[in-house]
PDB file of all heavy atoms in Angstrom:
ATOM      1  N   GLY A   1      31.608  -9.951 -30.011  1.00  0.00           N
ATOM      2  CA  GLY A   1      31.761 -10.338 -28.616  1.00  0.00           C
ATOM      3  C   GLY A   1      30.499 -10.916 -28.034  1.00  0.00           C
ATOM      4  O   GLY A   1      29.552 -11.285 -28.727  1.00  0.00           O
ATOM      5  N   ASN A   2      30.487 -10.972 -26.714  1.00  0.00           N
ATOM      6  CA  ASN A   2      29.341 -11.534 -26.002  1.00  0.00           C
ATOM      7  C   ASN A   2      28.462 -10.458 -25.406  1.00  0.00           C
ATOM      8  O   ASN A   2      27.742 -10.706 -24.452  1.00  0.00           O
ATOM      9  CB  ASN A   2      29.835 -12.452 -24.881  1.00  0.00           C
ATOM     10  CG  ASN A   2      30.563 -13.648 -25.439  1.00  0.00           C
ATOM     11  OD1 ASN A   2      30.164 -14.187 -26.459  1.00  0.00           O
ATOM     12  ND2 ASN A   2      31.636 -14.051 -24.766  1.00  0.00           N
ATOM     13  N   VAL A   3      28.566  -9.238 -25.955  1.00  0.00           N
ATOM     14  CA  VAL A   3      27.768  -8.141 -25.409  1.00  0.00           C
ATOM     15  C   VAL A   3      26.294  -8.365 -25.712  1.00  0.00           C
ATOM     16  O   VAL A   3      25.920  -8.753 -26.812  1.00  0.00           O
ATOM     17  CB  VAL A   3      28.228  -6.798 -26.020  1.00  0.00           C
ATOM     18  CG1 VAL A   3      27.359  -5.665 -25.499  1.00  0.00           C
ATOM     19  CG2 VAL A   3      29.686  -6.555 -25.668  1.00  0.00           C
ATOM     20  N   ARG A   4      25.482  -8.116 -24.733  1.00  0.00           N
ATOM     21  CA  ARG A   4      24.043  -8.297 -24.890  1.00  0.00           C
ATOM     22  C   ARG A   4      23.518  -7.413 -26.002  1.00  0.00           C
ATOM     23  O   ARG A   4      23.655  -6.218 -25.987  1.00  0.00           O
ATOM     24  CB  ARG A   4      23.343  -7.965 -23.571  1.00  0.00           C
ATOM     25  CG  ARG A   4      21.836  -7.791 -23.686  1.00  0.00           C
ATOM     26  CD  ARG A   4      21.335  -7.235 -22.373  1.00  0.00           C
ATOM     27  NE  ARG A   4      19.928  -6.899 -22.504  1.00  0.00           N
ATOM     28  CZ  ARG A   4      19.386  -5.827 -21.968  1.00  0.00           C
ATOM     29  NH1 ARG A   4      20.136  -4.975 -21.306  1.00  0.00           N
ATOM     30  NH2 ARG A   4      18.103  -5.590 -22.108  1.00  0.00           N
ATOM     31  N   SER A   5      22.905  -8.041 -26.998  1.00  0.00           N
ATOM     32  CA  SER A   5      22.258  -7.294 -28.066  1.00  0.00           C
ATOM     33  C   SER A   5      21.214  -8.196 -28.692  1.00  0.00           C
ATOM     34  O   SER A   5      21.444  -8.837 -29.704  1.00  0.00           O
ATOM     35  CB  SER A   5      23.274  -6.834 -29.115  1.00  0.00           C
ATOM     36  OG  SER A   5      22.621  -6.082 -30.110  1.00  0.00           O
ATOM     37  N   ASN A   6      20.039  -8.283 -28.061  1.00  0.00           N
ATOM     38  CA  ASN A   6      19.022  -9.207 -28.530  1.00  0.00           C
ATOM     39  C   ASN A   6      18.118  -8.583 -29.586  1.00  0.00           C
ATOM     40  O   ASN A   6      17.193  -9.198 -30.065  1.00  0.00           O
ATOM     41  CB  ASN A   6      18.161  -9.685 -27.351  1.00  0.00           C
ATOM     42  CG  ASN A   6      17.440  -8.539 -26.669  1.00  0.00           C
ATOM     43  OD1 ASN A   6      18.078  -7.596 -26.235  1.00  0.00           O
ATOM     44  ND2 ASN A   6      16.119  -8.622 -26.578  1.00  0.00           N
ATOM     45  N   GLN A   7      18.391  -7.339 -29.952  1.00  0.00           N
ATOM     46  CA  GLN A   7      17.589  -6.673 -30.973  1.00  0.00           C
ATOM     47  C   GLN A   7      18.335  -6.648 -32.294  1.00  0.00           C
ATOM     48  O   GLN A   7      19.519  -6.326 -32.322  1.00  0.00           O
ATOM     49  CB  GLN A   7      17.271  -5.236 -30.537  1.00  0.00           C
ATOM     50  CG  GLN A   7      16.427  -4.471 -31.566  1.00  0.00           C
ATOM     51  CD  GLN A   7      15.883  -3.198 -30.964  1.00  0.00           C
ATOM     52  OE1 GLN A   7      15.298  -3.221 -29.902  1.00  0.00           O
ATOM     53  NE2 GLN A   7      16.071  -2.095 -31.634  1.00  0.00           N
ATOM     54  N   PRO A   8      17.705  -7.018 -33.402  1.00  0.00           N
ATOM     55  CA  PRO A   8      18.389  -6.971 -34.688  1.00  0.00           C
ATOM     56  C   PRO A   8      18.867  -5.559 -34.975  1.00  0.00           C
ATOM     57  O   PRO A   8      18.157  -4.596 -34.719  1.00  0.00           O
ATOM     58  CB  PRO A   8      17.310  -7.421 -35.685  1.00  0.00           C
ATOM     59  CG  PRO A   8      16.011  -7.171 -34.992  1.00  0.00           C
ATOM     60  CD  PRO A   8      16.287  -7.386 -33.538  1.00  0.00           C
ATOM     61  N   TRP A   9      20.087  -5.456 -35.478  1.00  0.00           N
ATOM     62  CA  TRP A   9      20.699  -4.134 -35.617  1.00  0.00           C
ATOM     63  C   TRP A   9      20.397  -3.520 -36.965  1.00  0.00           C
ATOM     64  O   TRP A   9      20.448  -4.169 -37.998  1.00  0.00           O
ATOM     65  CB  TRP A   9      22.200  -4.238 -35.415  1.00  0.00           C
ATOM     66  CG  TRP A   9      22.892  -2.921 -35.497  1.00  0.00           C
ATOM     67  CD1 TRP A   9      23.967  -2.607 -36.226  1.00  0.00           C
ATOM     68  CD2 TRP A   9      22.522  -1.726 -34.814  1.00  0.00           C
ATOM     69  NE1 TRP A   9      24.317  -1.306 -36.036  1.00  0.00           N
ATOM     70  CE2 TRP A   9      23.450  -0.737 -35.195  1.00  0.00           C
ATOM     71  CE3 TRP A   9      21.503  -1.386 -33.934  1.00  0.00           C
ATOM     72  CZ2 TRP A   9      23.400   0.561 -34.702  1.00  0.00           C
ATOM     73  CZ3 TRP A   9      21.449  -0.098 -33.458  1.00  0.00           C
ATOM     74  CH2 TRP A   9      22.388   0.848 -33.840  1.00  0.00           C
ATOM     75  N   VAL A  10      20.083  -2.256 -36.970  1.00  0.00           N
ATOM     76  CA  VAL A  10      19.782  -1.520 -38.181  1.00  0.00           C
ATOM     77  C   VAL A  10      21.026  -0.755 -38.620  1.00  0.00           C
ATOM     78  O   VAL A  10      21.515   0.091 -37.892  1.00  0.00           O
ATOM     79  CB  VAL A  10      18.616  -0.540 -37.952  1.00  0.00           C
ATOM     80  CG1 VAL A  10      18.352   0.261 -39.214  1.00  0.00           C
ATOM     81  CG2 VAL A  10      17.373  -1.317 -37.560  1.00  0.00           C
ATOM     82  N   HIS A  11      21.573  -1.058 -39.792  1.00  0.00           N
ATOM     83  CA  HIS A  11      22.765  -0.383 -40.282  1.00  0.00           C
ATOM     84  C   HIS A  11      22.426   0.827 -41.137  1.00  0.00           C
ATOM     85  O   HIS A  11      23.211   1.743 -41.257  1.00  0.00           O
ATOM     86  CB  HIS A  11      23.613  -1.347 -41.121  1.00  0.00           C
ATOM     87  CG  HIS A  11      24.402  -2.293 -40.286  1.00  0.00           C
ATOM     88  ND1 HIS A  11      25.480  -1.901 -39.532  1.00  0.00           N
ATOM     89  CD2 HIS A  11      24.249  -3.629 -40.059  1.00  0.00           C
ATOM     90  CE1 HIS A  11      25.987  -2.945 -38.903  1.00  0.00           C
ATOM     91  NE2 HIS A  11      25.250  -4.000 -39.194  1.00  0.00           N
ATOM     92  N   THR A  12      21.268   0.812 -41.768  1.00  0.00           N
ATOM     93  CA  THR A  12      20.914   1.923 -42.638  1.00  0.00           C
ATOM     94  C   THR A  12      19.488   2.358 -42.380  1.00  0.00           C
ATOM     95  O   THR A  12      18.636   1.560 -42.009  1.00  0.00           O
ATOM     96  CB  THR A  12      21.037   1.529 -44.129  1.00  0.00           C
ATOM     97  OG1 THR A  12      20.248   0.355 -44.352  1.00  0.00           O
ATOM     98  CG2 THR A  12      22.480   1.246 -44.496  1.00  0.00           C
ATOM     99  N   VAL A  13      19.221   3.631 -42.577  1.00  0.00           N
ATOM    100  CA  VAL A  13      17.890   4.183 -42.377  1.00  0.00           C
ATOM    101  C   VAL A  13      17.568   5.087 -43.549  1.00  0.00           C
ATOM    102  O   VAL A  13      18.327   5.996 -43.860  1.00  0.00           O
ATOM    103  CB  VAL A  13      17.808   5.011 -41.078  1.00  0.00           C
ATOM    104  CG1 VAL A  13      16.405   5.552 -40.885  1.00  0.00           C
ATOM    105  CG2 VAL A  13      18.203   4.157 -39.895  1.00  0.00           C
ATOM    106  N   LYS A  14      16.460   4.829 -44.196  1.00  0.00           N
ATOM    107  CA  LYS A  14      16.054   5.713 -45.286  1.00  0.00           C
ATOM    108  C   LYS A  14      15.436   6.977 -44.726  1.00  0.00           C
ATOM    109  O   LYS A  14      14.888   6.987 -43.632  1.00  0.00           O
ATOM    110  CB  LYS A  14      15.027   5.005 -46.178  1.00  0.00           C
ATOM    111  CG  LYS A  14      15.641   3.981 -47.121  1.00  0.00           C
ATOM    112  CD  LYS A  14      14.585   3.468 -48.082  1.00  0.00           C
ATOM    113  CE  LYS A  14      15.188   2.550 -49.123  1.00  0.00           C
ATOM    114  NZ  LYS A  14      14.161   2.052 -50.069  1.00  0.00           N
ATOM    115  N   LYS A  15      15.531   8.056 -45.480  1.00  0.00           N
ATOM    116  CA  LYS A  15      14.906   9.302 -45.066  1.00  0.00           C
ATOM    117  C   LYS A  15      13.406   9.072 -44.912  1.00  0.00           C
ATOM    118  O   LYS A  15      12.781   8.373 -45.693  1.00  0.00           O
ATOM    119  CB  LYS A  15      15.183  10.401 -46.079  1.00  0.00           C
ATOM    120  CG  LYS A  15      16.642  10.865 -46.058  1.00  0.00           C
ATOM    121  CD  LYS A  15      16.851  12.027 -46.990  1.00  0.00           C
ATOM    122  CE  LYS A  15      18.293  12.517 -46.903  1.00  0.00           C
ATOM    123  NZ  LYS A  15      18.544  13.645 -47.820  1.00  0.00           N
ATOM    124  N   GLY A  16      12.820   9.727 -43.929  1.00  0.00           N
ATOM    125  CA  GLY A  16      11.413   9.532 -43.652  1.00  0.00           C
ATOM    126  C   GLY A  16      11.189   8.528 -42.547  1.00  0.00           C
ATOM    127  O   GLY A  16      10.072   8.283 -42.138  1.00  0.00           O
ATOM    128  N   GLY A  17      12.292   7.915 -42.064  1.00  0.00           N
ATOM    129  CA  GLY A  17      12.160   7.028 -40.919  1.00  0.00           C
ATOM    130  C   GLY A  17      11.981   5.571 -41.250  1.00  0.00           C
ATOM    131  O   GLY A  17      11.867   4.733 -40.371  1.00  0.00           O
ATOM    132  N   ALA A  18      11.938   5.205 -42.552  1.00  0.00           N
ATOM    133  CA  ALA A  18      11.778   3.806 -42.907  1.00  0.00           C
ATOM    134  C   ALA A  18      13.054   3.042 -42.605  1.00  0.00           C
ATOM    135  O   ALA A  18      14.127   3.432 -43.012  1.00  0.00           O
ATOM    136  CB  ALA A  18      11.427   3.690 -44.388  1.00  0.00           C
ATOM    137  N   LEU A  19      12.926   1.940 -41.874  1.00  0.00           N
ATOM    138  CA  LEU A  19      14.094   1.175 -41.465  1.00  0.00           C
ATOM    139  C   LEU A  19      14.367   0.032 -42.434  1.00  0.00           C
ATOM    140  O   LEU A  19      13.460  -0.659 -42.877  1.00  0.00           O
ATOM    141  CB  LEU A  19      13.871   0.606 -40.062  1.00  0.00           C
ATOM    142  CG  LEU A  19      13.567   1.612 -38.963  1.00  0.00           C
ATOM    143  CD1 LEU A  19      13.451   0.884 -37.637  1.00  0.00           C
ATOM    144  CD2 LEU A  19      14.628   2.675 -38.891  1.00  0.00           C
ATOM    145  N   ILE A  20      15.629  -0.161 -42.753  1.00  0.00           N
ATOM    146  CA  ILE A  20      16.039  -1.311 -43.543  1.00  0.00           C
ATOM    147  C   ILE A  20      16.944  -2.157 -42.672  1.00  0.00           C
ATOM    148  O   ILE A  20      17.994  -1.709 -42.254  1.00  0.00           O
ATOM    149  CB  ILE A  20      16.789  -0.893 -44.824  1.00  0.00           C
ATOM    150  CG1 ILE A  20      15.885   0.010 -45.664  1.00  0.00           C
ATOM    151  CG2 ILE A  20      17.237  -2.102 -45.602  1.00  0.00           C
ATOM    152  CD1 ILE A  20      16.548   0.497 -46.917  1.00  0.00           C
ATOM    153  N   ASN A  21      16.547  -3.376 -42.372  1.00  0.00           N
ATOM    154  CA  ASN A  21      17.299  -4.234 -41.470  1.00  0.00           C
ATOM    155  C   ASN A  21      18.356  -5.005 -42.247  1.00  0.00           C
ATOM    156  O   ASN A  21      18.036  -5.820 -43.100  1.00  0.00           O
ATOM    157  CB  ASN A  21      16.334  -5.197 -40.787  1.00  0.00           C
ATOM    158  CG  ASN A  21      16.999  -5.934 -39.646  1.00  0.00           C
ATOM    159  OD1 ASN A  21      18.193  -6.202 -39.704  1.00  0.00           O
ATOM    160  ND2 ASN A  21      16.223  -6.245 -38.627  1.00  0.00           N
ATOM    161  N   THR A  22      19.632  -4.710 -41.958  1.00  0.00           N
ATOM    162  CA  THR A  22      20.732  -5.460 -42.561  1.00  0.00           C
ATOM    163  C   THR A  22      21.614  -5.995 -41.442  1.00  0.00           C
ATOM    164  O   THR A  22      22.817  -6.012 -41.549  1.00  0.00           O
ATOM    165  CB  THR A  22      21.555  -4.565 -43.499  1.00  0.00           C
ATOM    166  OG1 THR A  22      22.094  -3.482 -42.738  1.00  0.00           O
ATOM    167  CG2 THR A  22      20.717  -4.000 -44.610  1.00  0.00           C
ATOM    168  N   ALA A  23      20.979  -6.423 -40.364  1.00  0.00           N
ATOM    169  CA  ALA A  23      21.700  -6.629 -39.118  1.00  0.00           C
ATOM    170  C   ALA A  23      22.275  -8.025 -38.972  1.00  0.00           C
ATOM    171  O   ALA A  23      21.941  -8.954 -39.682  1.00  0.00           O
ATOM    172  CB  ALA A  23      20.765  -6.372 -37.950  1.00  0.00           C
ATOM    173  N   VAL A  24      23.133  -8.131 -37.960  1.00  0.00           N
ATOM    174  CA  VAL A  24      23.649  -9.423 -37.552  1.00  0.00           C
ATOM    175  C   VAL A  24      22.600 -10.099 -36.681  1.00  0.00           C
ATOM    176  O   VAL A  24      22.054  -9.488 -35.774  1.00  0.00           O
ATOM    177  CB  VAL A  24      24.954  -9.257 -36.759  1.00  0.00           C
ATOM    178  CG1 VAL A  24      25.464 -10.592 -36.266  1.00  0.00           C
ATOM    179  CG2 VAL A  24      25.987  -8.568 -37.628  1.00  0.00           C
ATOM    180  N   ILE A  25      22.326 -11.363 -36.934  1.00  0.00           N
ATOM    181  CA  ILE A  25      21.280 -12.064 -36.206  1.00  0.00           C
ATOM    182  C   ILE A  25      21.894 -13.110 -35.301  1.00  0.00           C
ATOM    183  O   ILE A  25      22.729 -13.902 -35.731  1.00  0.00           O
ATOM    184  CB  ILE A  25      20.313 -12.748 -37.194  1.00  0.00           C
ATOM    185  CG1 ILE A  25      19.770 -11.726 -38.184  1.00  0.00           C
ATOM    186  CG2 ILE A  25      19.194 -13.450 -36.462  1.00  0.00           C
ATOM    187  CD1 ILE A  25      19.030 -10.587 -37.556  1.00  0.00           C
ATOM    188  N   LYS A  26      21.498 -13.118 -34.033  1.00  0.00           N
ATOM    189  CA  LYS A  26      21.967 -14.148 -33.123  1.00  0.00           C
ATOM    190  C   LYS A  26      21.185 -15.439 -33.357  1.00  0.00           C
ATOM    191  O   LYS A  26      20.096 -15.433 -33.920  1.00  0.00           O
ATOM    192  CB  LYS A  26      21.805 -13.692 -31.666  1.00  0.00           C
ATOM    193  CG  LYS A  26      22.833 -12.648 -31.265  1.00  0.00           C
ATOM    194  CD  LYS A  26      22.880 -12.522 -29.767  1.00  0.00           C
ATOM    195  CE  LYS A  26      24.033 -11.601 -29.379  1.00  0.00           C
ATOM    196  NZ  LYS A  26      24.171 -11.507 -27.918  1.00  0.00           N
ATOM    197  N   ALA A  27      21.733 -16.549 -32.885  1.00  0.00           N
ATOM    198  CA  ALA A  27      21.156 -17.864 -33.154  1.00  0.00           C
ATOM    199  C   ALA A  27      19.994 -18.164 -32.213  1.00  0.00           C
ATOM    200  O   ALA A  27      19.978 -19.165 -31.502  1.00  0.00           O
ATOM    201  CB  ALA A  27      22.223 -18.934 -33.017  1.00  0.00           C
ATOM    202  N   SER A  28      19.010 -17.297 -32.204  1.00  0.00           N
ATOM    203  CA  SER A  28      17.816 -17.541 -31.408  1.00  0.00           C
ATOM    204  C   SER A  28      16.614 -17.460 -32.336  1.00  0.00           C
ATOM    205  O   SER A  28      16.629 -16.745 -33.337  1.00  0.00           O
ATOM    206  CB  SER A  28      17.682 -16.500 -30.302  1.00  0.00           C
ATOM    207  OG  SER A  28      17.436 -15.232 -30.852  1.00  0.00           O
ATOM    208  N   PRO A  29      15.536 -18.209 -32.042  1.00  0.00           N
ATOM    209  CA  PRO A  29      14.353 -18.180 -32.911  1.00  0.00           C
ATOM    210  C   PRO A  29      13.805 -16.784 -33.122  1.00  0.00           C
ATOM    211  O   PRO A  29      13.392 -16.434 -34.221  1.00  0.00           O
ATOM    212  CB  PRO A  29      13.357 -19.074 -32.152  1.00  0.00           C
ATOM    213  CG  PRO A  29      14.219 -19.970 -31.325  1.00  0.00           C
ATOM    214  CD  PRO A  29      15.404 -19.154 -30.940  1.00  0.00           C
ATOM    215  N   ALA A  30      13.805 -15.979 -32.073  1.00  0.00           N
ATOM    216  CA  ALA A  30      13.265 -14.622 -32.201  1.00  0.00           C
ATOM    217  C   ALA A  30      14.053 -13.819 -33.221  1.00  0.00           C
ATOM    218  O   ALA A  30      13.492 -13.074 -34.022  1.00  0.00           O
ATOM    219  CB  ALA A  30      13.288 -13.916 -30.848  1.00  0.00           C
ATOM    220  N   MET A  31      15.385 -13.973 -33.206  1.00  0.00           N
ATOM    221  CA  MET A  31      16.215 -13.213 -34.119  1.00  0.00           C
ATOM    222  C   MET A  31      16.056 -13.713 -35.560  1.00  0.00           C
ATOM    223  O   MET A  31      16.056 -12.955 -36.508  1.00  0.00           O
ATOM    224  CB  MET A  31      17.684 -13.300 -33.701  1.00  0.00           C
ATOM    225  CG  MET A  31      17.968 -12.620 -32.368  1.00  0.00           C
ATOM    226  SD  MET A  31      17.459 -10.878 -32.347  1.00  0.00           S
ATOM    227  CE  MET A  31      15.856 -10.989 -31.553  1.00  0.00           C
ATOM    228  N   LYS A  32      15.958 -15.033 -35.704  1.00  0.00           N
ATOM    229  CA  LYS A  32      15.765 -15.568 -37.049  1.00  0.00           C
ATOM    230  C   LYS A  32      14.433 -15.098 -37.627  1.00  0.00           C
ATOM    231  O   LYS A  32      14.326 -14.773 -38.813  1.00  0.00           O
ATOM    232  CB  LYS A  32      15.820 -17.091 -36.997  1.00  0.00           C
ATOM    233  CG  LYS A  32      17.214 -17.630 -36.679  1.00  0.00           C
ATOM    234  CD  LYS A  32      17.208 -19.140 -36.573  1.00  0.00           C
ATOM    235  CE  LYS A  32      18.607 -19.666 -36.237  1.00  0.00           C
ATOM    236  NZ  LYS A  32      18.620 -21.138 -36.088  1.00  0.00           N
ATOM    237  N   ASN A  33      13.402 -15.059 -36.774  1.00  0.00           N
ATOM    238  CA  ASN A  33      12.114 -14.560 -37.230  1.00  0.00           C
ATOM    239  C   ASN A  33      12.194 -13.094 -37.633  1.00  0.00           C
ATOM    240  O   ASN A  33      11.602 -12.669 -38.620  1.00  0.00           O
ATOM    241  CB  ASN A  33      11.067 -14.736 -36.131  1.00  0.00           C
ATOM    242  CG  ASN A  33      10.723 -16.194 -35.916  1.00  0.00           C
ATOM    243  OD1 ASN A  33      10.927 -17.013 -36.814  1.00  0.00           O
ATOM    244  ND2 ASN A  33      10.215 -16.527 -34.732  1.00  0.00           N
ATOM    245  N   ALA A  34      12.956 -12.305 -36.850  1.00  0.00           N
ATOM    246  CA  ALA A  34      13.106 -10.887 -37.168  1.00  0.00           C
ATOM    247  C   ALA A  34      13.781 -10.709 -38.511  1.00  0.00           C
ATOM    248  O   ALA A  34      13.431  -9.822 -39.286  1.00  0.00           O
ATOM    249  CB  ALA A  34      13.913 -10.190 -36.070  1.00  0.00           C
ATOM    250  N   TYR A  35      14.787 -11.540 -38.787  1.00  0.00           N
ATOM    251  CA  TYR A  35      15.482 -11.446 -40.064  1.00  0.00           C
ATOM    252  C   TYR A  35      14.546 -11.792 -41.216  1.00  0.00           C
ATOM    253  O   TYR A  35      14.574 -11.159 -42.276  1.00  0.00           O
ATOM    254  CB  TYR A  35      16.690 -12.382 -40.060  1.00  0.00           C
ATOM    255  CG  TYR A  35      17.520 -12.286 -41.317  1.00  0.00           C
ATOM    256  CD1 TYR A  35      18.105 -11.070 -41.677  1.00  0.00           C
ATOM    257  CD2 TYR A  35      17.706 -13.384 -42.124  1.00  0.00           C
ATOM    258  CE1 TYR A  35      18.872 -10.964 -42.826  1.00  0.00           C
ATOM    259  CE2 TYR A  35      18.473 -13.288 -43.272  1.00  0.00           C
ATOM    260  CZ  TYR A  35      19.052 -12.084 -43.624  1.00  0.00           C
ATOM    261  OH  TYR A  35      19.809 -11.985 -44.761  1.00  0.00           O
ATOM    262  N   MET A  36      13.673 -12.778 -41.013  1.00  0.00           N
ATOM    263  CA  MET A  36      12.716 -13.128 -42.067  1.00  0.00           C
ATOM    264  C   MET A  36      11.741 -11.979 -42.298  1.00  0.00           C
ATOM    265  O   MET A  36      11.357 -11.690 -43.424  1.00  0.00           O
ATOM    266  CB  MET A  36      11.975 -14.407 -41.675  1.00  0.00           C
ATOM    267  CG  MET A  36      12.877 -15.647 -41.641  1.00  0.00           C
ATOM    268  SD  MET A  36      11.984 -17.151 -41.271  1.00  0.00           S
ATOM    269  CE  MET A  36      10.922 -17.283 -42.707  1.00  0.00           C
ATOM    270  N   TYR A  37      11.358 -11.321 -41.227  1.00  0.00           N
ATOM    271  CA  TYR A  37      10.494 -10.150 -41.380  1.00  0.00           C
ATOM    272  C   TYR A  37      11.188  -9.084 -42.212  1.00  0.00           C
ATOM    273  O   TYR A  37      10.567  -8.418 -43.039  1.00  0.00           O
ATOM    274  CB  TYR A  37      10.116  -9.586 -40.007  1.00  0.00           C
ATOM    275  CG  TYR A  37       8.875 -10.195 -39.408  1.00  0.00           C
ATOM    276  CD1 TYR A  37       8.984 -11.287 -38.554  1.00  0.00           C
ATOM    277  CD2 TYR A  37       7.607  -9.698 -39.698  1.00  0.00           C
ATOM    278  CE1 TYR A  37       7.856 -11.862 -37.996  1.00  0.00           C
ATOM    279  CE2 TYR A  37       6.484 -10.264 -39.140  1.00  0.00           C
ATOM    280  CZ  TYR A  37       6.608 -11.347 -38.292  1.00  0.00           C
ATOM    281  OH  TYR A  37       5.491 -11.910 -37.733  1.00  0.00           O
ATOM    282  N   ALA A  38      12.490  -8.913 -41.978  1.00  0.00           N
ATOM    283  CA  ALA A  38      13.225  -7.904 -42.728  1.00  0.00           C
ATOM    284  C   ALA A  38      13.207  -8.209 -44.208  1.00  0.00           C
ATOM    285  O   ALA A  38      13.115  -7.312 -45.037  1.00  0.00           O
ATOM    286  CB  ALA A  38      14.668  -7.843 -42.230  1.00  0.00           C
ATOM    287  N   LYS A  39      13.295  -9.487 -44.546  1.00  0.00           N
ATOM    288  CA  LYS A  39      13.271  -9.870 -45.948  1.00  0.00           C
ATOM    289  C   LYS A  39      11.909  -9.595 -46.583  1.00  0.00           C
ATOM    290  O   LYS A  39      11.801  -9.323 -47.773  1.00  0.00           O
ATOM    291  CB  LYS A  39      13.604 -11.357 -46.086  1.00  0.00           C
ATOM    292  CG  LYS A  39      15.089 -11.674 -45.913  1.00  0.00           C
ATOM    293  CD  LYS A  39      15.333 -13.140 -46.215  1.00  0.00           C
ATOM    294  CE  LYS A  39      16.813 -13.458 -46.192  1.00  0.00           C
ATOM    295  NZ  LYS A  39      17.077 -14.880 -46.520  1.00  0.00           N
ATOM    296  N   GLN A  40      10.868  -9.698 -45.792  1.00  0.00           N
ATOM    297  CA  GLN A  40       9.527  -9.556 -46.343  1.00  0.00           C
ATOM    298  C   GLN A  40       9.159  -8.116 -46.675  1.00  0.00           C
ATOM    299  O   GLN A  40       8.236  -7.876 -47.414  1.00  0.00           O
ATOM    300  CB  GLN A  40       8.506 -10.123 -45.344  1.00  0.00           C
ATOM    301  CG  GLN A  40       8.645 -11.639 -45.166  1.00  0.00           C
ATOM    302  CD  GLN A  40       7.756 -12.145 -44.057  1.00  0.00           C
ATOM    303  OE1 GLN A  40       6.907 -11.413 -43.572  1.00  0.00           O
ATOM    304  NE2 GLN A  40       7.976 -13.396 -43.649  1.00  0.00           N
ATOM    305  N   GLY A  41       9.866  -7.158 -46.126  1.00  0.00           N
ATOM    306  CA  GLY A  41       9.551  -5.781 -46.477  1.00  0.00           C
ATOM    307  C   GLY A  41       9.653  -4.834 -45.305  1.00  0.00           C
ATOM    308  O   GLY A  41       9.669  -5.239 -44.158  1.00  0.00           O
ATOM    309  N   ILE A  42       9.721  -3.553 -45.637  1.00  0.00           N
ATOM    310  CA  ILE A  42       9.926  -2.529 -44.618  1.00  0.00           C
ATOM    311  C   ILE A  42       8.759  -2.430 -43.657  1.00  0.00           C
ATOM    312  O   ILE A  42       8.945  -2.238 -42.460  1.00  0.00           O
ATOM    313  CB  ILE A  42      10.166  -1.170 -45.309  1.00  0.00           C
ATOM    314  CG1 ILE A  42      11.493  -1.223 -46.054  1.00  0.00           C
ATOM    315  CG2 ILE A  42      10.175  -0.044 -44.300  1.00  0.00           C
ATOM    316  CD1 ILE A  42      11.764   0.010 -46.874  1.00  0.00           C
ATOM    317  N   LYS A  43       7.547  -2.624 -44.134  1.00  0.00           N
ATOM    318  CA  LYS A  43       6.399  -2.530 -43.235  1.00  0.00           C
ATOM    319  C   LYS A  43       6.471  -3.584 -42.145  1.00  0.00           C
ATOM    320  O   LYS A  43       6.175  -3.320 -40.986  1.00  0.00           O
ATOM    321  CB  LYS A  43       5.099  -2.685 -44.030  1.00  0.00           C
ATOM    322  CG  LYS A  43       4.782  -1.488 -44.912  1.00  0.00           C
ATOM    323  CD  LYS A  43       3.431  -1.658 -45.586  1.00  0.00           C
ATOM    324  CE  LYS A  43       3.093  -0.439 -46.436  1.00  0.00           C
ATOM    325  NZ  LYS A  43       1.778  -0.578 -47.094  1.00  0.00           N
ATOM    326  N   GLU A  44       6.847  -4.804 -42.552  1.00  0.00           N
ATOM    327  CA  GLU A  44       6.968  -5.865 -41.560  1.00  0.00           C
ATOM    328  C   GLU A  44       8.086  -5.558 -40.560  1.00  0.00           C
ATOM    329  O   GLU A  44       7.990  -5.887 -39.377  1.00  0.00           O
ATOM    330  CB  GLU A  44       7.241  -7.208 -42.246  1.00  0.00           C
ATOM    331  CG  GLU A  44       6.014  -7.825 -42.896  1.00  0.00           C
ATOM    332  CD  GLU A  44       5.747  -7.248 -44.283  1.00  0.00           C
ATOM    333  OE1 GLU A  44       6.440  -6.296 -44.657  1.00  0.00           O
ATOM    334  OE2 GLU A  44       4.853  -7.758 -44.963  1.00  0.00           O
ATOM    335  N   VAL A  45       9.177  -4.936 -41.030  1.00  0.00           N
ATOM    336  CA  VAL A  45      10.273  -4.584 -40.137  1.00  0.00           C
ATOM    337  C   VAL A  45       9.797  -3.600 -39.084  1.00  0.00           C
ATOM    338  O   VAL A  45      10.066  -3.735 -37.892  1.00  0.00           O
ATOM    339  CB  VAL A  45      11.453  -3.978 -40.922  1.00  0.00           C
ATOM    340  CG1 VAL A  45      12.538  -3.504 -39.956  1.00  0.00           C
ATOM    341  CG2 VAL A  45      12.031  -5.020 -41.868  1.00  0.00           C
ATOM    342  N   LYS A  46       9.070  -2.572 -39.525  1.00  0.00           N
ATOM    343  CA  LYS A  46       8.546  -1.598 -38.574  1.00  0.00           C
ATOM    344  C   LYS A  46       7.655  -2.275 -37.543  1.00  0.00           C
ATOM    345  O   LYS A  46       7.747  -2.021 -36.348  1.00  0.00           O
ATOM    346  CB  LYS A  46       7.750  -0.525 -39.314  1.00  0.00           C
ATOM    347  CG  LYS A  46       8.563   0.379 -40.220  1.00  0.00           C
ATOM    348  CD  LYS A  46       7.621   1.377 -40.864  1.00  0.00           C
ATOM    349  CE  LYS A  46       8.356   2.297 -41.812  1.00  0.00           C
ATOM    350  NZ  LYS A  46       7.445   3.247 -42.465  1.00  0.00           N
TER     351      LYS A  46
END
């Protein structure tokens, strides 16, 4: 839908608090950059 959600969504979380971003990305530069960060590794995601 059109519900406001400008933050990349986290579907899974590893124990210890490490986030793995497998989210849906909106068509904005900020979101595309966030998705690229997710690909680069968990530290960048944090």
